[in-house]
């Protein structure tokens, strides 16, 4: 993800999750745990706490296919376990992305024209 900041604007949050800002606003109205602060201009300012909840909501609703009510129930029932699972899944996804990028870099190096010069 990005460098940790104190507050994130809704556009930044929507980009992190690759969803529309309207979906973030909708989830805010549906999930009482999402309580972003509002700036003096009325802009939503999401904290790290909000992002943690959003990760779990995203995982439940978008990835695992829960209904909104099912996601609410899961958050109430087993929050700690759900947070651990979400953290593990995010770590695995970051590791996967890193390995794919590393694979691309290694592929470039093994097929680069410089290799031909060194073998002659």
C-alpha atoms as a PDB file:
ATOM      1  CA  UNK A   1       0.000   0.000   0.000  1.00  0.00           C
ATOM      2  CA  UNK A   2       1.132   3.606   0.377  1.00  0.00           C
ATOM      3  CA  UNK A   3       3.190   5.258   3.094  1.00  0.00           C
ATOM      4  CA  UNK A   4       1.165   5.526   6.253  1.00  0.00           C
ATOM      5  CA  UNK A   5      -0.417   8.918   6.747  1.00  0.00           C
ATOM      6  CA  UNK A   6      -2.693  10.139   9.506  1.00  0.00           C
ATOM      7  CA  UNK A   7      -5.586  10.864   7.166  1.00  0.00           C
ATOM      8  CA  UNK A   8      -6.605   9.783   3.676  1.00  0.00           C
ATOM      9  CA  UNK A   9      -9.113  11.518   1.425  1.00  0.00           C
ATOM     10  CA  UNK A  10     -11.964   9.455   0.053  1.00  0.00           C
ATOM     11  CA  UNK A  11     -10.469   9.482  -3.452  1.00  0.00           C
ATOM     12  CA  UNK A  12      -7.238   7.985  -2.123  1.00  0.00           C
ATOM     13  CA  UNK A  13      -9.168   5.333  -0.222  1.00  0.00           C
ATOM     14  CA  UNK A  14     -11.283   4.447  -3.242  1.00  0.00           C
ATOM     15  CA  UNK A  15      -8.117   4.106  -5.331  1.00  0.00           C
ATOM     16  CA  UNK A  16      -6.518   1.812  -2.724  1.00  0.00           C
ATOM     17  CA  UNK A  17      -9.436  -0.577  -3.012  1.00  0.00           C
ATOM     18  CA  UNK A  18     -10.034  -0.002  -6.725  1.00  0.00           C
ATOM     19  CA  UNK A  19     -13.670   0.989  -6.142  1.00  0.00           C
ATOM     20  CA  UNK A  20     -15.723   4.119  -6.673  1.00  0.00           C
ATOM     21  CA  UNK A  21     -15.870   6.745  -3.930  1.00  0.00           C
ATOM     22  CA  UNK A  22     -19.656   6.284  -3.938  1.00  0.00           C
ATOM     23  CA  UNK A  23     -19.200   2.698  -2.727  1.00  0.00           C
ATOM     24  CA  UNK A  24     -17.016   3.892   0.147  1.00  0.00           C
ATOM     25  CA  UNK A  25     -19.723   6.443   1.080  1.00  0.00           C
ATOM     26  CA  UNK A  26     -22.380   3.716   0.848  1.00  0.00           C
ATOM     27  CA  UNK A  27     -20.405   1.376   3.099  1.00  0.00           C
ATOM     28  CA  UNK A  28     -19.965   4.259   5.524  1.00  0.00           C
ATOM     29  CA  UNK A  29     -23.759   4.567   5.741  1.00  0.00           C
ATOM     30  CA  UNK A  30     -24.185   0.793   6.177  1.00  0.00           C
ATOM     31  CA  UNK A  31     -21.373  -0.015   8.621  1.00  0.00           C
ATOM     32  CA  UNK A  32     -21.447   1.954  11.861  1.00  0.00           C
ATOM     33  CA  UNK A  33     -17.785   1.076  12.524  1.00  0.00           C
ATOM     34  CA  UNK A  34     -16.750   3.376   9.658  1.00  0.00           C
ATOM     35  CA  UNK A  35     -16.565   6.862  11.086  1.00  0.00           C
ATOM     36  CA  UNK A  36     -14.233   9.045   9.051  1.00  0.00           C
ATOM     37  CA  UNK A  37     -13.613  12.492  10.406  1.00  0.00           C
ATOM     38  CA  UNK A  38     -14.781  15.449   8.406  1.00  0.00           C
ATOM     39  CA  UNK A  39     -12.575  18.404   7.599  1.00  0.00           C
ATOM     40  CA  UNK A  40     -13.798  21.949   8.081  1.00  0.00           C
ATOM     41  CA  UNK A  41     -14.853  21.826   4.433  1.00  0.00           C
ATOM     42  CA  UNK A  42     -16.827  18.635   5.040  1.00  0.00           C
ATOM     43  CA  UNK A  43     -14.400  16.289   3.269  1.00  0.00           C
ATOM     44  CA  UNK A  44     -14.108  12.782   4.682  1.00  0.00           C
ATOM     45  CA  UNK A  45     -10.740  12.040   6.251  1.00  0.00           C
ATOM     46  CA  UNK A  46     -10.154   8.320   6.812  1.00  0.00           C
ATOM     47  CA  UNK A  47      -7.779   7.120   9.528  1.00  0.00           C
ATOM     48  CA  UNK A  48      -5.743   3.897   9.734  1.00  0.00           C
ATOM     49  CA  UNK A  49      -8.540   2.495  11.895  1.00  0.00           C
ATOM     50  CA  UNK A  50     -11.064   3.204   9.125  1.00  0.00           C
ATOM     51  CA  UNK A  51      -8.771   1.552   6.583  1.00  0.00           C
ATOM     52  CA  UNK A  52      -8.550  -1.579   8.741  1.00  0.00           C
ATOM     53  CA  UNK A  53     -12.319  -1.840   8.802  1.00  0.00           C
ATOM     54  CA  UNK A  54     -12.561  -1.112   5.098  1.00  0.00           C
ATOM     55  CA  UNK A  55     -10.074  -3.905   4.345  1.00  0.00           C
ATOM     56  CA  UNK A  56     -12.211  -6.349   6.272  1.00  0.00           C
ATOM     57  CA  UNK A  57     -15.446  -5.128   4.689  1.00  0.00           C
ATOM     58  CA  UNK A  58     -13.881  -5.294   1.230  1.00  0.00           C
ATOM     59  CA  UNK A  59     -12.593  -8.816   1.894  1.00  0.00           C
ATOM     60  CA  UNK A  60     -15.971 -10.009   3.113  1.00  0.00           C
ATOM     61  CA  UNK A  61     -18.204  -8.322   0.554  1.00  0.00           C
ATOM     62  CA  UNK A  62     -16.136  -8.100  -2.617  1.00  0.00           C
ATOM     63  CA  UNK A  63     -13.804 -11.102  -2.302  1.00  0.00           C
ATOM     64  CA  UNK A  64     -15.796 -13.632  -0.296  1.00  0.00           C
ATOM     65  CA  UNK A  65     -19.252 -12.595  -1.558  1.00  0.00           C
ATOM     66  CA  UNK A  66     -20.933 -11.890   1.779  1.00  0.00           C
ATOM     67  CA  UNK A  67     -24.133  -9.885   1.845  1.00  0.00           C
ATOM     68  CA  UNK A  68     -23.918  -6.594   3.709  1.00  0.00           C
ATOM     69  CA  UNK A  69     -25.855  -8.094   6.613  1.00  0.00           C
ATOM     70  CA  UNK A  70     -23.580 -11.144   6.594  1.00  0.00           C
ATOM     71  CA  UNK A  71     -20.517  -8.890   6.695  1.00  0.00           C
ATOM     72  CA  UNK A  72     -21.988  -6.885   9.584  1.00  0.00           C
ATOM     73  CA  UNK A  73     -22.683 -10.079  11.502  1.00  0.00           C
ATOM     74  CA  UNK A  74     -19.175 -11.416  10.814  1.00  0.00           C
ATOM     75  CA  UNK A  75     -17.590  -8.178  12.043  1.00  0.00           C
ATOM     76  CA  UNK A  76     -19.589  -8.343  15.265  1.00  0.00           C
ATOM     77  CA  UNK A  77     -19.073 -12.056  15.853  1.00  0.00           C
ATOM     78  CA  UNK A  78     -15.386 -12.683  15.178  1.00  0.00           C
ATOM     79  CA  UNK A  79     -13.614  -9.365  14.725  1.00  0.00           C
ATOM     80  CA  UNK A  80     -10.175 -10.464  15.967  1.00  0.00           C
ATOM     81  CA  UNK A  81     -10.066 -13.618  13.858  1.00  0.00           C
ATOM     82  CA  UNK A  82     -11.351 -11.718  10.832  1.00  0.00           C
ATOM     83  CA  UNK A  83      -8.690  -9.050  11.257  1.00  0.00           C
ATOM     84  CA  UNK A  84      -5.935 -11.694  11.468  1.00  0.00           C
ATOM     85  CA  UNK A  85      -7.208 -13.442   8.343  1.00  0.00           C
ATOM     86  CA  UNK A  86      -7.437 -10.149   6.456  1.00  0.00           C
ATOM     87  CA  UNK A  87      -3.889  -9.230   7.496  1.00  0.00           C
ATOM     88  CA  UNK A  88      -2.572 -12.613   6.359  1.00  0.00           C
ATOM     89  CA  UNK A  89      -4.390 -12.323   3.025  1.00  0.00           C
ATOM     90  CA  UNK A  90      -3.008  -8.833   2.445  1.00  0.00           C
ATOM     91  CA  UNK A  91       0.503  -9.991   3.284  1.00  0.00           C
ATOM     92  CA  UNK A  92       0.179 -12.897   0.871  1.00  0.00           C
ATOM     93  CA  UNK A  93      -1.116 -10.599  -1.863  1.00  0.00           C
ATOM     94  CA  UNK A  94       1.792  -8.160  -1.364  1.00  0.00           C
ATOM     95  CA  UNK A  95       4.228 -11.074  -1.430  1.00  0.00           C
ATOM     96  CA  UNK A  96       2.652 -12.362  -4.625  1.00  0.00           C
ATOM     97  CA  UNK A  97       2.907  -8.932  -6.269  1.00  0.00           C
ATOM     98  CA  UNK A  98       6.546  -8.660  -5.212  1.00  0.00           C
ATOM     99  CA  UNK A  99       7.378 -12.101  -6.594  1.00  0.00           C
ATOM    100  CA  UNK A 100       5.626 -11.388  -9.900  1.00  0.00           C
ATOM    101  CA  UNK A 101       7.552  -8.131 -10.243  1.00  0.00           C
ATOM    102  CA  UNK A 102      10.792  -9.911  -9.362  1.00  0.00           C
ATOM    103  CA  UNK A 103      10.017 -12.554 -11.970  1.00  0.00           C
ATOM    104  CA  UNK A 104       9.514  -9.834 -14.607  1.00  0.00           C
ATOM    105  CA  UNK A 105      12.832  -8.217 -13.683  1.00  0.00           C
ATOM    106  CA  UNK A 106      14.661 -11.519 -13.838  1.00  0.00           C
ATOM    107  CA  UNK A 107      13.069 -12.285 -17.188  1.00  0.00           C
ATOM    108  CA  UNK A 108      14.271  -8.917 -18.525  1.00  0.00           C
ATOM    109  CA  UNK A 109      17.802  -9.581 -17.343  1.00  0.00           C
ATOM    110  CA  UNK A 110      17.967 -13.055 -18.828  1.00  0.00           C
ATOM    111  CA  UNK A 111      16.763 -11.857 -22.213  1.00  0.00           C
ATOM    112  CA  UNK A 112      18.574  -8.514 -22.385  1.00  0.00           C
ATOM    113  CA  UNK A 113      21.020  -7.770 -25.248  1.00  0.00           C
ATOM    114  CA  UNK A 114      23.828  -7.278 -22.721  1.00  0.00           C
ATOM    115  CA  UNK A 115      23.812 -11.014 -22.088  1.00  0.00           C
ATOM    116  CA  UNK A 116      24.713 -11.630 -25.734  1.00  0.00           C
ATOM    117  CA  UNK A 117      27.815  -9.386 -25.427  1.00  0.00           C
ATOM    118  CA  UNK A 118      29.101 -11.196 -22.356  1.00  0.00           C
ATOM    119  CA  UNK A 119      28.765 -14.641 -23.923  1.00  0.00           C
ATOM    120  CA  UNK A 120      30.848 -13.764 -27.009  1.00  0.00           C
END
